[in-house]
């Protein structure tokens, strides 16, 4: 299902750990990836410590993968994974989490809806013992239809997954190493990341932080 490709300098999955991993599921986003990379590089280099960016091509079928290869050639801290077919954002993110080597891991979208500059807000609670940190938007810029779909998804999460009602959900998340290990080794029936998180991590260790969109 997946073809794992890493730069020689990055090594294999079993290579030493790093401080921060950023996991990005990518689908037909080749044009935007260079800017996303540049902004991430600036933020992570300023933040300090070692870091990597793990990009997962979710069966794009266009030039996204070639763009990823170009980024990897220029920077060995970019690690790339290519899925052989489109599996959806949840599965692509989970694939990236399994390969991430960071003590703290951030997941974000590929379209700059999640500003890289907001990553610092996601990372801080992880340094103080939280296991899952979820970005919450004070002002959503999405259209009415997308906001309605998000509301329906939230209601389903509360009803079906037992999601705490005081927690807002988004794909802009941060995970401790404990959370990543617990989520990726979970063998329950749930395939969606939300259900894996709720089944694997104590709910009182999940928090929201306000981020800009």
N, C-alpha and C. Protein backbone atom coordinates (compact mmCIF):
# COMPACT_ATOMS: atom_id res chain seq x y z
N UNK A 1 0.82 -1.20 0.00
CA UNK A 1 0.00 0.00 0.00
C UNK A 1 0.86 1.25 0.00
N UNK A 2 2.04 1.20 0.59
CA UNK A 2 2.87 2.38 0.70
C UNK A 2 4.28 2.11 0.25
N UNK A 3 4.87 3.09 -0.37
CA UNK A 3 6.26 3.04 -0.75
C UNK A 3 6.99 4.08 0.10
N UNK A 4 7.86 3.63 1.00
CA UNK A 4 8.56 4.54 1.90
C UNK A 4 9.88 4.95 1.27
N UNK A 5 10.08 6.23 1.11
CA UNK A 5 11.30 6.74 0.51
C UNK A 5 11.88 7.82 1.40
N UNK A 6 13.12 7.63 1.83
CA UNK A 6 13.77 8.58 2.70
C UNK A 6 15.10 8.97 2.09
N UNK A 7 15.53 10.17 2.38
CA UNK A 7 16.84 10.59 1.91
C UNK A 7 17.91 9.80 2.64
N UNK A 8 19.07 9.55 2.02
CA UNK A 8 20.13 8.80 2.68
C UNK A 8 20.53 9.38 4.02
N UNK A 9 20.55 10.70 4.13
CA UNK A 9 20.96 11.32 5.38
C UNK A 9 19.93 11.11 6.48
N UNK A 10 18.67 10.93 6.09
CA UNK A 10 17.62 10.75 7.10
C UNK A 10 17.64 9.35 7.67
N UNK A 11 18.13 8.39 6.91
CA UNK A 11 18.21 7.03 7.41
C UNK A 11 16.89 6.29 7.30
N UNK A 12 16.79 5.22 8.03
CA UNK A 12 15.60 4.38 7.98
C UNK A 12 14.66 4.72 9.11
N UNK A 13 13.52 4.00 9.18
CA UNK A 13 12.57 4.22 10.25
C UNK A 13 13.20 3.97 11.62
N UNK A 14 14.20 3.11 11.68
CA UNK A 14 14.78 2.73 12.96
C UNK A 14 15.93 3.66 13.38
N UNK A 15 16.16 4.72 12.60
CA UNK A 15 17.23 5.65 12.95
C UNK A 15 16.88 6.38 14.23
N UNK A 16 17.85 7.13 14.80
CA UNK A 16 17.65 7.81 16.05
C UNK A 16 16.49 8.80 16.01
N UNK A 17 15.96 9.08 17.19
CA UNK A 17 14.82 9.97 17.28
C UNK A 17 15.23 11.42 17.05
N UNK A 18 14.23 12.26 16.83
CA UNK A 18 14.45 13.68 16.67
C UNK A 18 13.49 14.40 17.61
N UNK A 19 13.64 15.70 17.76
CA UNK A 19 12.81 16.43 18.71
C UNK A 19 11.38 16.62 18.20
N UNK A 20 11.24 17.04 16.95
CA UNK A 20 9.92 17.39 16.41
C UNK A 20 9.74 16.79 15.03
N UNK A 21 8.60 16.17 14.82
CA UNK A 21 8.19 15.71 13.49
C UNK A 21 6.93 16.47 13.08
N UNK A 22 6.86 16.87 11.84
CA UNK A 22 5.63 17.43 11.28
C UNK A 22 5.15 16.49 10.19
N UNK A 23 3.94 15.97 10.34
CA UNK A 23 3.37 15.01 9.40
C UNK A 23 2.33 15.72 8.54
N UNK A 24 2.49 15.60 7.22
CA UNK A 24 1.60 16.28 6.28
C UNK A 24 1.04 15.28 5.28
N UNK A 25 -0.26 14.94 5.35
CA UNK A 25 -0.86 14.15 4.28
C UNK A 25 -1.09 15.06 3.07
N UNK A 26 -0.59 14.67 1.92
CA UNK A 26 -0.65 15.53 0.74
C UNK A 26 -1.47 14.88 -0.36
N UNK A 27 -2.37 15.66 -0.94
CA UNK A 27 -3.17 15.16 -2.07
C UNK A 27 -3.30 16.27 -3.10
N UNK A 28 -2.65 16.07 -4.24
CA UNK A 28 -2.68 17.02 -5.35
C UNK A 28 -2.35 18.44 -4.88
N UNK A 29 -1.27 18.55 -4.14
CA UNK A 29 -0.91 19.84 -3.55
C UNK A 29 0.52 20.25 -3.91
N UNK A 30 1.00 19.77 -5.05
CA UNK A 30 2.38 20.04 -5.44
C UNK A 30 2.72 21.51 -5.51
N UNK A 31 1.79 22.34 -5.98
CA UNK A 31 2.08 23.77 -6.13
C UNK A 31 2.30 24.45 -4.78
N UNK A 32 1.59 24.02 -3.77
CA UNK A 32 1.67 24.70 -2.47
C UNK A 32 2.72 24.16 -1.54
N UNK A 33 3.24 22.97 -1.81
CA UNK A 33 4.19 22.35 -0.88
C UNK A 33 5.49 23.14 -0.71
N UNK A 34 6.07 23.72 -1.76
CA UNK A 34 7.31 24.48 -1.54
C UNK A 34 7.15 25.63 -0.56
N UNK A 35 6.03 26.38 -0.66
CA UNK A 35 5.82 27.47 0.29
C UNK A 35 5.60 26.93 1.70
N UNK A 36 4.82 25.87 1.81
CA UNK A 36 4.60 25.25 3.12
C UNK A 36 5.93 24.80 3.73
N UNK A 37 6.77 24.19 2.93
CA UNK A 37 8.08 23.76 3.41
C UNK A 37 8.91 24.95 3.88
N UNK A 38 8.97 26.01 3.08
CA UNK A 38 9.79 27.17 3.44
C UNK A 38 9.36 27.78 4.77
N UNK A 39 8.06 27.89 4.96
CA UNK A 39 7.56 28.47 6.21
C UNK A 39 7.80 27.54 7.39
N UNK A 40 7.62 26.25 7.17
CA UNK A 40 7.91 25.29 8.23
C UNK A 40 9.38 25.31 8.61
N UNK A 41 10.25 25.34 7.61
CA UNK A 41 11.68 25.37 7.88
C UNK A 41 12.05 26.58 8.73
N UNK A 42 11.49 27.73 8.40
CA UNK A 42 11.78 28.94 9.15
C UNK A 42 11.32 28.83 10.61
N UNK A 43 10.10 28.33 10.81
CA UNK A 43 9.55 28.21 12.16
C UNK A 43 10.33 27.19 12.98
N UNK A 44 10.56 26.03 12.41
CA UNK A 44 11.22 24.95 13.15
C UNK A 44 12.68 25.29 13.45
N UNK A 45 13.35 25.95 12.53
CA UNK A 45 14.73 26.33 12.77
C UNK A 45 14.84 27.37 13.87
N UNK A 46 13.85 28.26 13.94
CA UNK A 46 13.84 29.27 14.99
C UNK A 46 13.49 28.66 16.34
N UNK A 47 12.57 27.69 16.32
CA UNK A 47 12.12 27.06 17.56
C UNK A 47 13.27 26.32 18.25
N UNK A 48 14.13 25.71 17.47
CA UNK A 48 15.29 25.04 18.03
C UNK A 48 15.11 23.53 18.13
N UNK A 49 16.21 22.81 18.30
CA UNK A 49 16.17 21.36 18.36
C UNK A 49 16.22 20.75 16.97
N UNK A 50 16.21 19.43 16.94
CA UNK A 50 16.22 18.72 15.65
C UNK A 50 14.79 18.49 15.18
N UNK A 51 14.62 18.42 13.88
CA UNK A 51 13.27 18.28 13.34
C UNK A 51 13.30 17.56 12.00
N UNK A 52 12.12 17.09 11.61
CA UNK A 52 11.91 16.46 10.32
C UNK A 52 10.51 16.79 9.84
N UNK A 53 10.32 16.72 8.54
CA UNK A 53 9.01 16.89 7.93
C UNK A 53 8.70 15.61 7.16
N UNK A 54 7.60 14.95 7.51
CA UNK A 54 7.20 13.70 6.87
C UNK A 54 5.98 13.99 5.99
N UNK A 55 6.15 13.89 4.69
CA UNK A 55 5.07 14.17 3.74
C UNK A 55 4.58 12.85 3.15
N UNK A 56 3.28 12.63 3.21
CA UNK A 56 2.68 11.39 2.71
C UNK A 56 1.82 11.71 1.48
N UNK A 57 2.25 11.24 0.33
CA UNK A 57 1.47 11.42 -0.89
C UNK A 57 0.33 10.41 -0.90
N UNK A 58 -0.90 10.90 -0.79
CA UNK A 58 -2.08 10.04 -0.70
C UNK A 58 -2.61 9.70 -2.09
N UNK A 59 -1.74 9.08 -2.91
CA UNK A 59 -2.17 8.64 -4.24
C UNK A 59 -2.62 9.78 -5.13
N UNK A 60 -1.86 10.87 -5.17
CA UNK A 60 -2.30 12.07 -5.88
C UNK A 60 -2.46 11.86 -7.38
N UNK A 61 -1.51 11.16 -7.99
CA UNK A 61 -1.61 10.92 -9.42
C UNK A 61 -1.27 12.13 -10.28
N UNK A 62 -0.67 13.17 -9.68
CA UNK A 62 -0.23 14.32 -10.47
C UNK A 62 1.24 14.59 -10.15
N UNK A 63 1.65 15.85 -10.11
CA UNK A 63 3.06 16.15 -9.89
C UNK A 63 3.42 16.32 -8.41
N UNK A 64 2.49 16.00 -7.50
CA UNK A 64 2.75 16.17 -6.07
C UNK A 64 3.97 15.38 -5.63
N UNK A 65 4.06 14.14 -6.06
CA UNK A 65 5.17 13.29 -5.63
C UNK A 65 6.51 13.81 -6.15
N UNK A 66 6.54 14.31 -7.39
CA UNK A 66 7.79 14.86 -7.92
C UNK A 66 8.22 16.10 -7.13
N UNK A 67 7.26 16.90 -6.71
CA UNK A 67 7.59 18.05 -5.87
C UNK A 67 8.17 17.58 -4.54
N UNK A 68 7.60 16.55 -3.97
CA UNK A 68 8.11 16.00 -2.72
C UNK A 68 9.54 15.50 -2.89
N UNK A 69 9.81 14.83 -4.00
CA UNK A 69 11.16 14.33 -4.26
C UNK A 69 12.15 15.48 -4.38
N UNK A 70 11.72 16.57 -5.00
CA UNK A 70 12.59 17.73 -5.15
C UNK A 70 12.92 18.33 -3.78
N UNK A 71 11.92 18.43 -2.92
CA UNK A 71 12.16 18.96 -1.57
C UNK A 71 13.11 18.06 -0.79
N UNK A 72 12.96 16.76 -0.96
CA UNK A 72 13.82 15.81 -0.26
C UNK A 72 15.26 15.91 -0.75
N UNK A 73 15.44 16.11 -2.05
CA UNK A 73 16.80 16.24 -2.60
C UNK A 73 17.51 17.45 -2.00
N UNK A 74 16.76 18.52 -1.79
CA UNK A 74 17.35 19.76 -1.29
C UNK A 74 17.55 19.77 0.23
N UNK A 75 16.77 18.97 0.94
CA UNK A 75 16.85 18.98 2.41
C UNK A 75 16.62 17.58 2.94
N UNK A 76 17.63 16.94 3.52
CA UNK A 76 17.48 15.56 4.01
C UNK A 76 16.54 15.43 5.20
N UNK A 77 16.13 16.55 5.77
CA UNK A 77 15.17 16.48 6.88
C UNK A 77 13.75 16.27 6.38
N UNK A 78 13.55 16.35 5.07
CA UNK A 78 12.25 16.03 4.47
C UNK A 78 12.23 14.55 4.17
N UNK A 79 11.28 13.83 4.74
CA UNK A 79 11.12 12.40 4.49
C UNK A 79 9.79 12.20 3.77
N UNK A 80 9.76 11.34 2.78
CA UNK A 80 8.55 11.22 1.96
C UNK A 80 8.07 9.77 1.91
N UNK A 81 6.75 9.65 1.85
CA UNK A 81 6.08 8.36 1.74
C UNK A 81 5.06 8.48 0.61
N UNK A 82 5.01 7.47 -0.23
CA UNK A 82 4.07 7.48 -1.35
C UNK A 82 3.11 6.31 -1.22
N UNK A 83 1.82 6.59 -1.02
CA UNK A 83 0.81 5.53 -1.01
C UNK A 83 0.48 5.14 -2.44
N UNK A 84 0.27 3.87 -2.66
CA UNK A 84 0.03 3.39 -4.02
C UNK A 84 -1.38 3.68 -4.51
N UNK A 85 -2.27 4.08 -3.60
CA UNK A 85 -3.62 4.48 -3.99
C UNK A 85 -4.14 5.50 -2.99
N UNK A 86 -5.20 6.19 -3.37
CA UNK A 86 -5.79 7.18 -2.48
C UNK A 86 -6.53 6.48 -1.34
N UNK A 87 -6.06 6.73 -0.11
CA UNK A 87 -6.63 6.07 1.07
C UNK A 87 -7.38 7.02 1.98
N UNK A 88 -7.32 8.30 1.70
CA UNK A 88 -8.00 9.28 2.53
C UNK A 88 -7.07 9.89 3.57
N UNK A 89 -7.48 11.06 4.06
CA UNK A 89 -6.63 11.83 4.96
C UNK A 89 -6.30 11.09 6.25
N UNK A 90 -7.28 10.40 6.83
CA UNK A 90 -7.04 9.72 8.10
C UNK A 90 -5.97 8.65 7.97
N UNK A 91 -6.08 7.83 6.93
CA UNK A 91 -5.10 6.76 6.75
C UNK A 91 -3.73 7.30 6.39
N UNK A 92 -3.69 8.36 5.57
CA UNK A 92 -2.40 8.96 5.21
C UNK A 92 -1.73 9.56 6.45
N UNK A 93 -2.52 10.20 7.29
CA UNK A 93 -1.97 10.77 8.53
C UNK A 93 -1.45 9.67 9.44
N UNK A 94 -2.22 8.60 9.58
CA UNK A 94 -1.80 7.49 10.42
C UNK A 94 -0.51 6.86 9.91
N UNK A 95 -0.38 6.76 8.59
CA UNK A 95 0.85 6.24 7.99
C UNK A 95 2.04 7.14 8.36
N UNK A 96 1.83 8.45 8.31
CA UNK A 96 2.89 9.37 8.68
C UNK A 96 3.24 9.28 10.15
N UNK A 97 2.24 9.10 11.01
CA UNK A 97 2.50 8.95 12.44
C UNK A 97 3.35 7.72 12.73
N UNK A 98 3.07 6.64 12.00
CA UNK A 98 3.84 5.41 12.22
C UNK A 98 5.32 5.59 11.85
N UNK A 99 5.59 6.48 10.90
CA UNK A 99 6.96 6.68 10.46
C UNK A 99 7.68 7.81 11.19
N UNK A 100 6.93 8.66 11.86
CA UNK A 100 7.52 9.83 12.52
C UNK A 100 8.44 9.40 13.66
N UNK A 101 9.55 10.12 13.81
CA UNK A 101 10.54 9.78 14.82
C UNK A 101 10.64 10.83 15.92
N UNK A 102 9.76 11.81 15.90
CA UNK A 102 9.85 12.91 16.84
C UNK A 102 9.35 12.58 18.23
N UNK A 103 9.94 13.21 19.23
CA UNK A 103 9.41 13.13 20.58
C UNK A 103 8.08 13.86 20.68
N UNK A 104 7.90 14.85 19.82
CA UNK A 104 6.62 15.54 19.68
C UNK A 104 6.29 15.56 18.19
N UNK A 105 5.03 15.31 17.87
CA UNK A 105 4.63 15.20 16.46
C UNK A 105 3.44 16.12 16.22
N UNK A 106 3.52 16.90 15.16
CA UNK A 106 2.43 17.78 14.75
C UNK A 106 1.87 17.29 13.42
N UNK A 107 0.55 17.23 13.31
CA UNK A 107 -0.08 16.92 12.03
C UNK A 107 -0.79 18.16 11.52
N UNK A 108 -0.70 18.38 10.21
CA UNK A 108 -1.33 19.56 9.63
C UNK A 108 -1.68 19.31 8.18
N UNK A 109 -2.61 20.13 7.65
CA UNK A 109 -3.03 19.99 6.27
C UNK A 109 -1.97 20.53 5.31
N UNK A 110 -2.14 20.21 4.04
CA UNK A 110 -1.17 20.57 3.02
C UNK A 110 -1.49 21.87 2.30
N UNK A 111 -2.59 22.55 2.66
CA UNK A 111 -3.07 23.68 1.87
C UNK A 111 -2.90 25.03 2.55
N UNK A 112 -2.08 25.07 3.62
CA UNK A 112 -1.80 26.30 4.36
C UNK A 112 -3.01 26.85 5.10
N UNK A 113 -4.06 26.04 5.24
CA UNK A 113 -5.15 26.43 6.14
C UNK A 113 -4.65 26.46 7.59
N UNK A 114 -3.63 25.66 7.87
CA UNK A 114 -2.99 25.66 9.18
C UNK A 114 -1.67 26.42 9.05
N UNK A 115 -1.61 27.66 9.50
CA UNK A 115 -0.37 28.44 9.35
C UNK A 115 0.79 27.79 10.10
N UNK A 116 1.90 27.55 9.45
CA UNK A 116 3.04 26.94 10.13
C UNK A 116 3.49 27.73 11.35
N UNK A 117 3.29 29.05 11.32
CA UNK A 117 3.71 29.90 12.43
C UNK A 117 2.95 29.60 13.72
N UNK A 118 1.81 28.90 13.61
CA UNK A 118 1.01 28.57 14.79
C UNK A 118 1.47 27.28 15.47
N UNK A 119 2.43 26.60 14.87
CA UNK A 119 2.90 25.32 15.43
C UNK A 119 3.41 25.48 16.86
N UNK A 120 4.03 26.62 17.15
CA UNK A 120 4.56 26.84 18.50
C UNK A 120 3.46 26.71 19.55
N UNK A 121 2.26 27.18 19.23
CA UNK A 121 1.14 27.09 20.18
C UNK A 121 0.74 25.63 20.41
N UNK A 122 0.90 24.81 19.39
CA UNK A 122 0.58 23.39 19.52
C UNK A 122 1.63 22.67 20.36
N UNK A 123 2.88 23.06 20.20
CA UNK A 123 3.97 22.36 20.86
C UNK A 123 4.05 22.64 22.36
N UNK A 124 3.73 23.84 22.78
CA UNK A 124 3.95 24.23 24.18
C UNK A 124 3.26 23.33 25.19
N UNK A 125 1.96 23.02 25.02
CA UNK A 125 1.32 22.14 26.02
C UNK A 125 1.94 20.74 26.08
N UNK A 126 2.51 20.27 24.95
CA UNK A 126 3.16 18.96 24.95
C UNK A 126 4.39 18.97 25.85
N UNK A 127 5.02 20.12 25.97
CA UNK A 127 6.20 20.24 26.84
C UNK A 127 5.82 20.24 28.31
N UNK A 128 4.52 20.40 28.59
CA UNK A 128 4.05 20.46 29.98
C UNK A 128 3.16 19.27 30.32
N UNK A 129 3.36 18.16 29.63
CA UNK A 129 2.73 16.91 30.03
C UNK A 129 1.44 16.53 29.33
N UNK A 130 0.91 17.38 28.45
CA UNK A 130 -0.28 17.00 27.70
C UNK A 130 0.12 16.01 26.61
N UNK A 131 -0.82 15.14 26.25
CA UNK A 131 -0.52 14.11 25.26
C UNK A 131 -1.10 14.40 23.88
N UNK A 132 -2.23 15.10 23.82
CA UNK A 132 -2.81 15.47 22.53
C UNK A 132 -3.26 16.92 22.61
N UNK A 133 -2.83 17.73 21.67
CA UNK A 133 -3.19 19.15 21.61
C UNK A 133 -3.86 19.40 20.26
N UNK A 134 -5.05 20.00 20.29
CA UNK A 134 -5.82 20.20 19.06
C UNK A 134 -6.05 21.68 18.84
N UNK A 135 -5.69 22.15 17.65
CA UNK A 135 -5.89 23.55 17.31
C UNK A 135 -7.37 23.88 17.20
N UNK A 136 -7.77 24.98 17.82
CA UNK A 136 -9.17 25.44 17.78
C UNK A 136 -9.19 26.84 17.17
N UNK A 137 -10.07 27.04 16.21
CA UNK A 137 -10.11 28.30 15.47
C UNK A 137 -11.15 29.23 16.06
N UNK A 138 -10.70 30.41 16.46
CA UNK A 138 -11.62 31.40 17.00
C UNK A 138 -12.51 31.94 15.89
N UNK A 139 -11.97 32.06 14.69
CA UNK A 139 -12.73 32.57 13.55
C UNK A 139 -12.52 31.66 12.36
N UNK A 140 -13.54 30.92 11.98
CA UNK A 140 -13.42 30.01 10.86
C UNK A 140 -13.69 30.75 9.56
N UNK A 141 -12.82 30.50 8.58
CA UNK A 141 -12.95 31.18 7.29
C UNK A 141 -13.57 30.28 6.23
N UNK A 142 -13.97 29.09 6.61
CA UNK A 142 -14.54 28.18 5.63
C UNK A 142 -15.95 28.63 5.27
N UNK A 143 -16.44 28.08 4.14
CA UNK A 143 -17.78 28.40 3.70
C UNK A 143 -18.84 27.75 4.57
N UNK A 144 -20.09 28.16 4.34
CA UNK A 144 -21.21 27.67 5.14
C UNK A 144 -21.35 26.16 5.05
N UNK A 145 -21.20 25.61 3.85
CA UNK A 145 -21.36 24.17 3.67
C UNK A 145 -20.31 23.40 4.45
N UNK A 146 -19.04 23.86 4.38
CA UNK A 146 -17.97 23.16 5.11
C UNK A 146 -18.15 23.29 6.61
N UNK A 147 -18.58 24.45 7.08
CA UNK A 147 -18.82 24.61 8.51
C UNK A 147 -19.95 23.71 8.99
N UNK A 148 -20.98 23.58 8.15
CA UNK A 148 -22.10 22.70 8.51
C UNK A 148 -21.64 21.25 8.58
N UNK A 149 -20.80 20.86 7.62
CA UNK A 149 -20.27 19.48 7.63
C UNK A 149 -19.43 19.24 8.88
N UNK A 150 -18.64 20.25 9.29
CA UNK A 150 -17.82 20.11 10.49
C UNK A 150 -18.70 19.95 11.73
N UNK A 151 -19.80 20.71 11.77
CA UNK A 151 -20.71 20.62 12.92
C UNK A 151 -21.34 19.22 13.00
N UNK A 152 -21.76 18.69 11.85
CA UNK A 152 -22.36 17.35 11.82
C UNK A 152 -21.34 16.31 12.26
N UNK A 153 -20.09 16.45 11.79
CA UNK A 153 -19.03 15.52 12.19
C UNK A 153 -18.78 15.57 13.69
N UNK A 154 -18.83 16.78 14.26
CA UNK A 154 -18.62 16.93 15.70
C UNK A 154 -19.73 16.24 16.47
N UNK A 155 -20.99 16.40 16.01
CA UNK A 155 -22.10 15.75 16.68
C UNK A 155 -21.95 14.22 16.63
N UNK A 156 -21.51 13.72 15.48
CA UNK A 156 -21.31 12.28 15.34
C UNK A 156 -20.21 11.79 16.27
N UNK A 157 -19.16 12.58 16.41
CA UNK A 157 -18.06 12.20 17.31
C UNK A 157 -18.55 12.11 18.74
N UNK A 158 -19.36 13.09 19.17
CA UNK A 158 -19.88 13.04 20.53
C UNK A 158 -20.75 11.81 20.75
N UNK A 159 -21.59 11.52 19.77
CA UNK A 159 -22.56 10.44 19.93
C UNK A 159 -21.91 9.06 19.79
N UNK A 160 -21.03 8.89 18.81
CA UNK A 160 -20.51 7.56 18.49
C UNK A 160 -19.19 7.24 19.17
N UNK A 161 -18.36 8.25 19.37
CA UNK A 161 -17.01 7.99 19.86
C UNK A 161 -16.81 8.38 21.32
N UNK A 162 -17.79 9.07 21.88
CA UNK A 162 -17.63 9.50 23.26
C UNK A 162 -16.68 10.67 23.40
N UNK A 163 -16.59 11.51 22.38
CA UNK A 163 -15.69 12.66 22.44
C UNK A 163 -16.17 13.64 23.49
N UNK A 164 -15.27 14.13 24.36
CA UNK A 164 -15.68 15.13 25.34
C UNK A 164 -16.27 16.36 24.66
N UNK A 165 -17.39 16.86 25.16
CA UNK A 165 -18.07 17.97 24.50
C UNK A 165 -17.31 19.28 24.62
N UNK A 166 -16.37 19.38 25.52
CA UNK A 166 -15.61 20.62 25.65
C UNK A 166 -14.39 20.67 24.73
N UNK A 167 -14.20 19.63 23.92
CA UNK A 167 -13.06 19.57 23.00
C UNK A 167 -13.51 19.82 21.57
N UNK A 168 -12.91 20.82 20.93
CA UNK A 168 -13.14 21.06 19.50
C UNK A 168 -12.15 20.24 18.70
N UNK A 169 -12.60 19.78 17.54
CA UNK A 169 -11.77 18.86 16.74
C UNK A 169 -11.26 19.57 15.50
N UNK A 170 -10.03 19.28 15.10
CA UNK A 170 -9.49 19.73 13.82
C UNK A 170 -8.33 18.80 13.47
N UNK A 171 -7.84 18.90 12.24
CA UNK A 171 -6.71 18.06 11.83
C UNK A 171 -5.36 18.69 12.18
N UNK A 172 -5.37 19.87 12.78
CA UNK A 172 -4.16 20.54 13.26
C UNK A 172 -3.93 20.09 14.69
N UNK A 173 -3.05 19.09 14.87
CA UNK A 173 -2.90 18.45 16.17
C UNK A 173 -1.44 18.29 16.55
N UNK A 174 -1.21 18.13 17.84
CA UNK A 174 0.10 17.78 18.35
C UNK A 174 0.00 16.56 19.23
N UNK A 175 1.02 15.71 19.19
CA UNK A 175 1.02 14.46 19.94
C UNK A 175 2.33 14.28 20.68
N UNK A 176 2.25 13.77 21.90
CA UNK A 176 3.45 13.34 22.61
C UNK A 176 3.91 12.00 22.03
N UNK A 177 5.12 11.61 22.35
CA UNK A 177 5.61 10.31 21.91
C UNK A 177 4.74 9.18 22.47
N UNK A 178 4.31 9.35 23.73
CA UNK A 178 3.41 8.35 24.34
C UNK A 178 2.14 8.22 23.52
N UNK A 179 1.55 9.35 23.11
CA UNK A 179 0.30 9.30 22.36
C UNK A 179 0.49 8.62 21.01
N UNK A 180 1.59 8.96 20.32
CA UNK A 180 1.84 8.35 19.01
C UNK A 180 1.98 6.84 19.13
N UNK A 181 2.75 6.40 20.12
CA UNK A 181 2.94 4.96 20.30
C UNK A 181 1.62 4.27 20.64
N UNK A 182 0.81 4.88 21.50
CA UNK A 182 -0.46 4.29 21.89
C UNK A 182 -1.42 4.20 20.72
N UNK A 183 -1.48 5.27 19.92
CA UNK A 183 -2.40 5.32 18.79
C UNK A 183 -2.00 4.33 17.71
N UNK A 184 -0.71 4.28 17.37
CA UNK A 184 -0.28 3.46 16.24
C UNK A 184 -0.23 1.97 16.57
N UNK A 185 -0.21 1.60 17.85
CA UNK A 185 -0.22 0.18 18.17
C UNK A 185 -1.61 -0.32 18.57
N UNK A 186 -2.58 0.59 18.58
CA UNK A 186 -3.94 0.20 18.95
C UNK A 186 -4.51 -0.75 17.91
N UNK A 187 -5.11 -1.82 18.37
CA UNK A 187 -5.61 -2.84 17.45
C UNK A 187 -7.14 -2.96 17.48
N UNK A 188 -7.79 -1.89 17.90
CA UNK A 188 -9.24 -1.89 17.92
C UNK A 188 -9.83 -1.79 16.52
N UNK A 189 -11.14 -1.79 16.44
CA UNK A 189 -11.81 -1.76 15.14
C UNK A 189 -11.78 -0.38 14.50
N UNK A 190 -11.62 0.66 15.30
CA UNK A 190 -11.66 2.02 14.77
C UNK A 190 -10.55 2.28 13.78
N UNK A 191 -10.89 2.85 12.64
CA UNK A 191 -9.89 3.17 11.63
C UNK A 191 -9.65 4.67 11.56
N UNK A 192 -10.61 5.45 12.06
CA UNK A 192 -10.44 6.88 12.01
C UNK A 192 -9.55 7.36 13.14
N UNK A 193 -8.77 8.39 12.85
CA UNK A 193 -7.82 8.88 13.82
C UNK A 193 -8.51 9.34 15.09
N UNK A 194 -9.67 9.98 14.95
CA UNK A 194 -10.39 10.45 16.14
C UNK A 194 -10.72 9.30 17.08
N UNK A 195 -11.21 8.21 16.53
CA UNK A 195 -11.57 7.06 17.38
C UNK A 195 -10.34 6.43 17.99
N UNK A 196 -9.22 6.41 17.26
CA UNK A 196 -7.98 5.85 17.81
C UNK A 196 -7.45 6.72 18.95
N UNK A 197 -7.54 8.02 18.79
CA UNK A 197 -7.09 8.92 19.86
C UNK A 197 -7.92 8.70 21.11
N UNK A 198 -9.24 8.68 20.97
CA UNK A 198 -10.11 8.56 22.13
C UNK A 198 -10.00 7.20 22.80
N UNK A 199 -9.62 6.18 22.03
CA UNK A 199 -9.47 4.84 22.60
C UNK A 199 -8.09 4.62 23.21
N UNK A 200 -7.13 5.49 22.89
CA UNK A 200 -5.74 5.23 23.25
C UNK A 200 -5.16 6.17 24.29
N UNK A 201 -5.77 7.34 24.46
CA UNK A 201 -5.19 8.39 25.29
C UNK A 201 -6.20 8.83 26.34
N UNK A 202 -5.79 9.02 27.59
CA UNK A 202 -6.73 9.53 28.60
C UNK A 202 -7.35 10.85 28.15
N UNK A 203 -8.66 10.96 28.30
CA UNK A 203 -9.35 12.14 27.79
C UNK A 203 -8.92 13.42 28.49
N UNK A 204 -8.51 13.31 29.74
CA UNK A 204 -8.09 14.53 30.45
C UNK A 204 -6.71 15.01 30.03
N UNK A 205 -6.05 14.26 29.15
CA UNK A 205 -4.75 14.71 28.61
C UNK A 205 -4.89 15.32 27.23
N UNK A 206 -6.15 15.50 26.77
CA UNK A 206 -6.44 16.12 25.48
C UNK A 206 -6.90 17.55 25.72
N UNK A 207 -6.26 18.51 25.08
CA UNK A 207 -6.63 19.92 25.27
C UNK A 207 -6.70 20.64 23.93
N UNK A 208 -7.43 21.75 23.94
CA UNK A 208 -7.46 22.66 22.81
C UNK A 208 -6.53 23.85 23.06
N UNK A 209 -5.99 24.39 21.97
CA UNK A 209 -5.33 25.69 22.01
C UNK A 209 -5.91 26.54 20.87
N UNK A 210 -6.09 27.80 21.12
CA UNK A 210 -6.61 28.69 20.10
C UNK A 210 -5.52 29.04 19.10
N UNK A 211 -5.84 28.90 17.81
CA UNK A 211 -4.89 29.20 16.75
C UNK A 211 -5.57 30.09 15.71
N UNK A 212 -4.75 30.80 14.96
CA UNK A 212 -5.24 31.62 13.87
C UNK A 212 -5.36 30.77 12.61
N UNK A 213 -6.28 31.12 11.76
CA UNK A 213 -6.44 30.39 10.50
C UNK A 213 -6.07 31.27 9.32
